[in-house]
PDB file of all heavy atoms in Angstrom:
ATOM      1  N   PRO A   1      78.424  94.193 104.140  1.00  0.00           N
ATOM      2  CA  PRO A   1      79.454  93.478 103.494  1.00  0.00           C
ATOM      3  C   PRO A   1      80.726  94.397 103.054  1.00  0.00           C
ATOM      4  O   PRO A   1      81.748  93.900 102.856  1.00  0.00           O
ATOM      5  CB  PRO A   1      78.687  92.964 102.029  1.00  0.00           C
ATOM      6  CG  PRO A   1      77.280  92.980 102.469  1.00  0.00           C
ATOM      7  CD  PRO A   1      77.017  93.994 103.570  1.00  0.00           C
ATOM      8  N   SER A   2      80.532  95.662 102.867  1.00  0.00           N
ATOM      9  CA  SER A   2      81.550  96.557 102.676  1.00  0.00           C
ATOM     10  C   SER A   2      82.725  96.432 103.681  1.00  0.00           C
ATOM     11  O   SER A   2      83.891  96.712 103.420  1.00  0.00           O
ATOM     12  CB  SER A   2      81.126  98.043 102.374  1.00  0.00           C
ATOM     13  OG  SER A   2      80.525  98.543 103.502  1.00  0.00           O
ATOM     14  N   LEU A   3      82.326  96.323 104.936  1.00  0.00           N
ATOM     15  CA  LEU A   3      83.288  96.218 106.058  1.00  0.00           C
ATOM     16  C   LEU A   3      84.091  94.943 105.996  1.00  0.00           C
ATOM     17  O   LEU A   3      85.343  94.939 105.991  1.00  0.00           O
ATOM     18  CB  LEU A   3      82.558  96.271 107.393  1.00  0.00           C
ATOM     19  CG  LEU A   3      83.496  96.389 108.629  1.00  0.00           C
ATOM     20  CD1 LEU A   3      84.510  97.433 108.523  1.00  0.00           C
ATOM     21  CD2 LEU A   3      82.657  96.565 109.894  1.00  0.00           C
ATOM     22  N   LEU A   4      83.395  93.917 105.594  1.00  0.00           N
ATOM     23  CA  LEU A   4      84.225  92.634 105.471  1.00  0.00           C
ATOM     24  C   LEU A   4      85.151  92.641 104.244  1.00  0.00           C
ATOM     25  O   LEU A   4      86.216  92.196 104.265  1.00  0.00           O
ATOM     26  CB  LEU A   4      83.123  91.352 105.276  1.00  0.00           C
ATOM     27  CG  LEU A   4      83.774  89.989 105.469  1.00  0.00           C
ATOM     28  CD1 LEU A   4      84.219  89.775 106.730  1.00  0.00           C
ATOM     29  CD2 LEU A   4      82.768  88.983 105.017  1.00  0.00           C
ATOM     30  N   ALA A   5      84.609  93.298 103.136  1.00  0.00           N
ATOM     31  CA  ALA A   5      85.570  93.500 101.962  1.00  0.00           C
ATOM     32  C   ALA A   5      86.664  94.420 102.341  1.00  0.00           C
ATOM     33  O   ALA A   5      87.750  94.087 101.884  1.00  0.00           O
ATOM     34  CB  ALA A   5      84.716  94.111 100.758  1.00  0.00           C
ATOM     35  N   HIS A   6      86.528  95.444 103.176  1.00  0.00           N
ATOM     36  CA  HIS A   6      87.560  96.326 103.510  1.00  0.00           C
ATOM     37  C   HIS A   6      88.627  95.482 104.307  1.00  0.00           C
ATOM     38  O   HIS A   6      89.832  95.675 104.088  1.00  0.00           O
ATOM     39  CB  HIS A   6      86.905  97.435 104.406  1.00  0.00           C
ATOM     40  CG  HIS A   6      88.018  98.259 105.068  1.00  0.00           C
ATOM     41  ND1 HIS A   6      88.620  99.392 104.475  1.00  0.00           N
ATOM     42  CD2 HIS A   6      88.593  98.308 106.237  1.00  0.00           C
ATOM     43  CE1 HIS A   6      89.440  99.996 105.209  1.00  0.00           C
ATOM     44  NE2 HIS A   6      89.302  99.397 106.406  1.00  0.00           N
ATOM     45  N   LEU A   7      88.205  94.727 105.218  1.00  0.00           N
ATOM     46  CA  LEU A   7      89.123  93.805 105.988  1.00  0.00           C
ATOM     47  C   LEU A   7      89.973  92.797 105.068  1.00  0.00           C
ATOM     48  O   LEU A   7      91.240  92.733 105.166  1.00  0.00           O
ATOM     49  CB  LEU A   7      88.527  92.987 107.003  1.00  0.00           C
ATOM     50  CG  LEU A   7      87.652  93.715 108.015  1.00  0.00           C
ATOM     51  CD1 LEU A   7      87.180  92.516 109.055  1.00  0.00           C
ATOM     52  CD2 LEU A   7      88.348  94.730 108.717  1.00  0.00           C
ATOM     53  N   ALA A   8      89.251  92.248 104.237  1.00  0.00           N
ATOM     54  CA  ALA A   8      89.837  91.385 103.262  1.00  0.00           C
ATOM     55  C   ALA A   8      90.870  91.935 102.278  1.00  0.00           C
ATOM     56  O   ALA A   8      91.986  91.497 102.128  1.00  0.00           O
ATOM     57  CB  ALA A   8      88.748  90.601 102.440  1.00  0.00           C
ATOM     58  N   ASP A   9      90.515  93.142 101.797  1.00  0.00           N
ATOM     59  CA  ASP A   9      91.427  93.877 100.941  1.00  0.00           C
ATOM     60  C   ASP A   9      92.808  94.118 101.598  1.00  0.00           C
ATOM     61  O   ASP A   9      93.846  94.182 100.848  1.00  0.00           O
ATOM     62  CB  ASP A   9      90.871  95.160 100.456  1.00  0.00           C
ATOM     63  CG  ASP A   9      89.859  94.996  99.393  1.00  0.00           C
ATOM     64  OD1 ASP A   9      89.682  93.832  98.884  1.00  0.00           O
ATOM     65  OD2 ASP A   9      88.979  95.953  99.198  1.00  0.00           O
ATOM     66  N   HIS A  10      92.706  94.367 102.956  1.00  0.00           N
ATOM     67  CA  HIS A  10      93.996  94.629 103.607  1.00  0.00           C
ATOM     68  C   HIS A  10      94.647  93.433 104.337  1.00  0.00           C
ATOM     69  O   HIS A  10      95.540  93.655 105.231  1.00  0.00           O
ATOM     70  CB  HIS A  10      93.783  95.821 104.686  1.00  0.00           C
ATOM     71  CG  HIS A  10      93.338  97.068 103.951  1.00  0.00           C
ATOM     72  ND1 HIS A  10      94.288  97.987 103.395  1.00  0.00           N
ATOM     73  CD2 HIS A  10      92.255  97.730 103.727  1.00  0.00           C
ATOM     74  CE1 HIS A  10      93.875  99.031 102.885  1.00  0.00           C
ATOM     75  NE2 HIS A  10      92.452  98.848 103.029  1.00  0.00           N
ATOM     76  N   ALA A  11      94.070  92.312 104.144  1.00  0.00           N
ATOM     77  CA  ALA A  11      94.599  91.035 104.830  1.00  0.00           C
ATOM     78  C   ALA A  11      95.598  90.348 103.977  1.00  0.00           C
ATOM     79  O   ALA A  11      96.079  89.277 104.586  1.00  0.00           O
ATOM     80  CB  ALA A  11      93.300  90.156 105.146  1.00  0.00           C
ATOM     81  N   VAL A  12      95.902  90.826 102.891  1.00  0.00           N
ATOM     82  CA  VAL A  12      96.842  90.018 101.925  1.00  0.00           C
ATOM     83  C   VAL A  12      98.063  90.748 101.603  1.00  0.00           C
ATOM     84  O   VAL A  12      98.070  92.058 101.555  1.00  0.00           O
ATOM     85  CB  VAL A  12      96.096  89.482 100.699  1.00  0.00           C
ATOM     86  CG1 VAL A  12      94.936  88.623 101.136  1.00  0.00           C
ATOM     87  CG2 VAL A  12      95.574  90.639  99.866  1.00  0.00           C
ATOM     88  N   VAL A  13      99.203  90.156 101.393  1.00  0.00           N
ATOM     89  CA  VAL A  13     100.378  90.747 100.965  1.00  0.00           C
ATOM     90  C   VAL A  13     100.983  89.922  99.869  1.00  0.00           C
ATOM     91  O   VAL A  13     100.672  88.764  99.679  1.00  0.00           O
ATOM     92  CB  VAL A  13     101.423  90.841 102.063  1.00  0.00           C
ATOM     93  CG1 VAL A  13     100.933  91.898 103.150  1.00  0.00           C
ATOM     94  CG2 VAL A  13     101.646  89.558 102.642  1.00  0.00           C
ATOM     95  N   GLU A  14     101.774  90.513  99.058  1.00  0.00           N
ATOM     96  CA  GLU A  14     102.479  89.744  97.869  1.00  0.00           C
ATOM     97  C   GLU A  14     103.862  89.393  98.284  1.00  0.00           C
ATOM     98  O   GLU A  14     104.571  90.085  98.614  1.00  0.00           O
ATOM     99  CB  GLU A  14     102.306  90.629  96.641  1.00  0.00           C
ATOM    100  CG  GLU A  14     102.917  89.903  95.402  1.00  0.00           C
ATOM    101  CD  GLU A  14     102.802  90.738  94.179  1.00  0.00           C
ATOM    102  OE1 GLU A  14     102.662  91.999  94.270  1.00  0.00           O
ATOM    103  OE2 GLU A  14     102.785  90.036  93.038  1.00  0.00           O
ATOM    104  N   HIS A  15     104.186  88.032  98.108  1.00  0.00           N
ATOM    105  CA  HIS A  15     105.554  87.476  98.271  1.00  0.00           C
ATOM    106  C   HIS A  15     105.949  87.051  96.881  1.00  0.00           C
ATOM    107  O   HIS A  15     105.187  86.884  95.960  1.00  0.00           O
ATOM    108  CB  HIS A  15     105.398  86.286  99.279  1.00  0.00           C
ATOM    109  CG  HIS A  15     105.298  86.746 100.587  1.00  0.00           C
ATOM    110  ND1 HIS A  15     105.514  85.880 101.720  1.00  0.00           N
ATOM    111  CD2 HIS A  15     104.921  87.863 101.189  1.00  0.00           C
ATOM    112  CE1 HIS A  15     105.351  86.500 102.783  1.00  0.00           C
ATOM    113  NE2 HIS A  15     104.822  87.722 102.520  1.00  0.00           N
ATOM    114  N   ALA A  16     107.246  86.602  96.797  1.00  0.00           N
ATOM    115  CA  ALA A  16     107.680  86.036  95.623  1.00  0.00           C
ATOM    116  C   ALA A  16     106.878  84.891  95.131  1.00  0.00           C
ATOM    117  O   ALA A  16     106.760  84.595  93.850  1.00  0.00           O
ATOM    118  CB  ALA A  16     109.105  85.597  95.746  1.00  0.00           C
ATOM    119  N   GLU A  17     106.344  84.174  96.097  1.00  0.00           N
ATOM    120  CA  GLU A  17     105.600  82.826  95.648  1.00  0.00           C
ATOM    121  C   GLU A  17     104.189  83.215  95.270  1.00  0.00           C
ATOM    122  O   GLU A  17     103.409  82.306  94.806  1.00  0.00           O
ATOM    123  CB  GLU A  17     105.672  81.826  96.684  1.00  0.00           C
ATOM    124  CG  GLU A  17     107.000  81.242  97.182  1.00  0.00           C
ATOM    125  CD  GLU A  17     107.630  82.185  98.327  1.00  0.00           C
ATOM    126  OE1 GLU A  17     107.231  83.364  98.450  1.00  0.00           O
ATOM    127  OE2 GLU A  17     108.533  81.768  98.911  1.00  0.00           O
ATOM    128  N   GLY A  18     103.694  84.346  95.583  1.00  0.00           N
ATOM    129  CA  GLY A  18     102.291  84.756  95.162  1.00  0.00           C
ATOM    130  C   GLY A  18     101.679  85.605  96.423  1.00  0.00           C
ATOM    131  O   GLY A  18     102.493  86.042  97.259  1.00  0.00           O
ATOM    132  N   TRP A  19     100.426  85.661  96.389  1.00  0.00           N
ATOM    133  CA  TRP A  19      99.701  86.478  97.444  1.00  0.00           C
ATOM    134  C   TRP A  19      99.369  85.560  98.625  1.00  0.00           C
ATOM    135  O   TRP A  19      98.966  84.370  98.342  1.00  0.00           O
ATOM    136  CB  TRP A  19      98.372  87.037  96.851  1.00  0.00           C
ATOM    137  CG  TRP A  19      98.665  88.184  95.820  1.00  0.00           C
ATOM    138  CD1 TRP A  19      98.815  88.119  94.507  1.00  0.00           C
ATOM    139  CD2 TRP A  19      98.817  89.448  96.203  1.00  0.00           C
ATOM    140  NE1 TRP A  19      99.150  89.425  93.986  1.00  0.00           N
ATOM    141  CE2 TRP A  19      99.050  90.206  95.010  1.00  0.00           C
ATOM    142  CE3 TRP A  19      98.636  90.265  97.429  1.00  0.00           C
ATOM    143  CZ2 TRP A  19      99.141  91.609  94.856  1.00  0.00           C
ATOM    144  CZ3 TRP A  19      98.682  91.639  97.362  1.00  0.00           C
ATOM    145  CH2 TRP A  19      98.935  92.413  96.198  1.00  0.00           C
ATOM    146  N   THR A  20      99.572  86.112  99.769  1.00  0.00           N
ATOM    147  CA  THR A  20      99.335  85.249 100.960  1.00  0.00           C
ATOM    148  C   THR A  20      98.764  86.165 102.069  1.00  0.00           C
ATOM    149  O   THR A  20      98.723  87.367 101.951  1.00  0.00           O
ATOM    150  CB  THR A  20     100.567  84.555 101.508  1.00  0.00           C
ATOM    151  OG1 THR A  20     100.314  83.562 102.449  1.00  0.00           O
ATOM    152  CG2 THR A  20     101.669  85.477 102.073  1.00  0.00           C
ATOM    153  N   TRP A  21      98.277  85.565 103.202  1.00  0.00           N
ATOM    154  CA  TRP A  21      97.740  86.268 104.255  1.00  0.00           C
ATOM    155  C   TRP A  21      98.845  87.072 105.034  1.00  0.00           C
ATOM    156  O   TRP A  21     100.093  86.740 104.983  1.00  0.00           O
ATOM    157  CB  TRP A  21      97.050  85.419 105.257  1.00  0.00           C
ATOM    158  CG  TRP A  21      95.882  84.671 104.727  1.00  0.00           C
ATOM    159  CD1 TRP A  21      95.915  83.329 104.633  1.00  0.00           C
ATOM    160  CD2 TRP A  21      94.674  85.032 104.079  1.00  0.00           C
ATOM    161  NE1 TRP A  21      94.777  82.718 104.109  1.00  0.00           N
ATOM    162  CE2 TRP A  21      93.973  83.942 103.687  1.00  0.00           C
ATOM    163  CE3 TRP A  21      94.223  86.387 103.848  1.00  0.00           C
ATOM    164  CZ2 TRP A  21      92.817  84.048 103.093  1.00  0.00           C
ATOM    165  CZ3 TRP A  21      92.819  86.396 103.220  1.00  0.00           C
ATOM    166  CH2 TRP A  21      92.235  85.267 102.932  1.00  0.00           C
ATOM    167  N   ALA A  22      98.504  88.215 105.539  1.00  0.00           N
ATOM    168  CA  ALA A  22      99.525  89.207 106.061  1.00  0.00           C
ATOM    169  C   ALA A  22      99.978  88.699 107.340  1.00  0.00           C
ATOM    170  O   ALA A  22     101.021  89.272 107.946  1.00  0.00           O
ATOM    171  CB  ALA A  22      98.905  90.612 106.135  1.00  0.00           C
ATOM    172  N   PHE A  23      99.304  87.718 107.997  1.00  0.00           N
ATOM    173  CA  PHE A  23      99.892  87.335 109.469  1.00  0.00           C
ATOM    174  C   PHE A  23     100.852  86.267 109.189  1.00  0.00           C
ATOM    175  O   PHE A  23     100.831  85.495 108.112  1.00  0.00           O
ATOM    176  CB  PHE A  23      98.643  86.881 110.254  1.00  0.00           C
ATOM    177  CG  PHE A  23      97.904  85.759 109.779  1.00  0.00           C
ATOM    178  CD1 PHE A  23      98.232  84.369 109.940  1.00  0.00           C
ATOM    179  CD2 PHE A  23      96.714  85.891 109.174  1.00  0.00           C
ATOM    180  CE1 PHE A  23      97.521  83.346 109.518  1.00  0.00           C
ATOM    181  CE2 PHE A  23      95.892  84.834 108.728  1.00  0.00           C
ATOM    182  CZ  PHE A  23      96.241  83.578 108.853  1.00  0.00           C
ATOM    183  N   ASP A  24     101.573  85.903 110.149  1.00  0.00           N
ATOM    184  CA  ASP A  24     102.629  84.840 110.216  1.00  0.00           C
ATOM    185  C   ASP A  24     101.940  83.612 110.604  1.00  0.00           C
ATOM    186  O   ASP A  24     101.473  83.555 111.702  1.00  0.00           O
ATOM    187  CB  ASP A  24     103.769  85.258 111.027  1.00  0.00           C
ATOM    188  CG  ASP A  24     104.929  84.111 111.080  1.00  0.00           C
ATOM    189  OD1 ASP A  24     104.623  83.113 110.380  1.00  0.00           O
ATOM    190  OD2 ASP A  24     105.982  84.498 111.676  1.00  0.00           O
ATOM    191  N   PRO A  25     101.753  82.486 109.847  1.00  0.00           N
ATOM    192  CA  PRO A  25     101.090  81.232 110.259  1.00  0.00           C
ATOM    193  C   PRO A  25     101.692  80.707 111.403  1.00  0.00           C
ATOM    194  O   PRO A  25     101.189  80.032 112.282  1.00  0.00           O
ATOM    195  CB  PRO A  25     101.342  80.410 108.962  1.00  0.00           C
ATOM    196  CG  PRO A  25     101.512  81.305 107.827  1.00  0.00           C
ATOM    197  CD  PRO A  25     102.331  82.476 108.434  1.00  0.00           C
ATOM    198  N   ALA A  26     103.165  81.115 111.700  1.00  0.00           N
ATOM    199  CA  ALA A  26     103.676  80.379 112.866  1.00  0.00           C
ATOM    200  C   ALA A  26     103.115  80.868 114.111  1.00  0.00           C
ATOM    201  O   ALA A  26     103.255  80.249 115.222  1.00  0.00           O
ATOM    202  CB  ALA A  26     105.259  80.926 112.913  1.00  0.00           C
ATOM    203  N   LEU A  27     102.388  81.897 114.174  1.00  0.00           N
ATOM    204  CA  LEU A  27     101.574  82.433 115.314  1.00  0.00           C
ATOM    205  C   LEU A  27     100.638  81.348 115.866  1.00  0.00           C
ATOM    206  O   LEU A  27     100.385  81.331 117.053  1.00  0.00           O
ATOM    207  CB  LEU A  27     100.760  83.670 115.070  1.00  0.00           C
ATOM    208  CG  LEU A  27     101.565  84.902 114.875  1.00  0.00           C
ATOM    209  CD1 LEU A  27     100.690  85.930 113.985  1.00  0.00           C
ATOM    210  CD2 LEU A  27     101.962  85.480 116.220  1.00  0.00           C
ATOM    211  N   PHE A  28     100.205  80.496 114.897  1.00  0.00           N
ATOM    212  CA  PHE A  28      99.174  79.511 115.322  1.00  0.00           C
ATOM    213  C   PHE A  28      99.649  78.104 115.340  1.00  0.00           C
ATOM    214  O   PHE A  28      99.002  77.094 115.419  1.00  0.00           O
ATOM    215  CB  PHE A  28      98.080  79.631 114.265  1.00  0.00           C
ATOM    216  CG  PHE A  28      97.476  80.924 114.200  1.00  0.00           C
ATOM    217  CD1 PHE A  28      97.958  81.958 113.289  1.00  0.00           C
ATOM    218  CD2 PHE A  28      96.550  81.269 115.188  1.00  0.00           C
ATOM    219  CE1 PHE A  28      97.325  83.125 113.201  1.00  0.00           C
ATOM    220  CE2 PHE A  28      95.916  82.594 115.199  1.00  0.00           C
ATOM    221  CZ  PHE A  28      96.268  83.475 114.253  1.00  0.00           C
ATOM    222  N   VAL A  29     101.051  78.035 115.601  1.00  0.00           N
ATOM    223  CA  VAL A  29     101.570  76.593 115.869  1.00  0.00           C
ATOM    224  C   VAL A  29     101.897  76.700 117.504  1.00  0.00           C
ATOM    225  O   VAL A  29     102.958  77.057 117.987  1.00  0.00           O
ATOM    226  CB  VAL A  29     102.910  76.447 115.143  1.00  0.00           C
ATOM    227  CG1 VAL A  29     103.449  75.096 115.528  1.00  0.00           C
ATOM    228  CG2 VAL A  29     102.680  76.621 113.702  1.00  0.00           C
ATOM    229  N   GLY A  30     100.839  76.523 118.250  1.00  0.00           N
ATOM    230  CA  GLY A  30     100.956  76.582 119.623  1.00  0.00           C
ATOM    231  C   GLY A  30     100.830  78.033 120.161  1.00  0.00           C
ATOM    232  O   GLY A  30     100.797  78.961 119.305  1.00  0.00           O
ATOM    233  N   HIS A  31     100.645  78.297 121.399  1.00  0.00           N
ATOM    234  CA  HIS A  31     100.673  79.573 121.975  1.00  0.00           C
ATOM    235  C   HIS A  31     101.981  80.083 122.415  1.00  0.00           C
ATOM    236  O   HIS A  31     102.885  79.250 122.803  1.00  0.00           O
ATOM    237  CB  HIS A  31      99.740  79.566 123.227  1.00  0.00           C
ATOM    238  CG  HIS A  31      98.312  79.398 122.873  1.00  0.00           C
ATOM    239  ND1 HIS A  31      97.477  80.414 122.442  1.00  0.00           N
ATOM    240  CD2 HIS A  31      97.499  78.301 123.005  1.00  0.00           C
ATOM    241  CE1 HIS A  31      96.174  79.829 122.252  1.00  0.00           C
ATOM    242  NE2 HIS A  31      96.274  78.591 122.560  1.00  0.00           N
TER     243      HIS A  31
END
C-alpha cells in the first residue's frame, strides 16, 4: 500500500478552485 500512497501523494496539484489531479482531463476527450 505504501507504493499506491506514494503515487497518490504526487498525483494532485493545487489550483485556485482547489486540489485536482495533475493530468489534463482534455487528454481523455478522444485520442
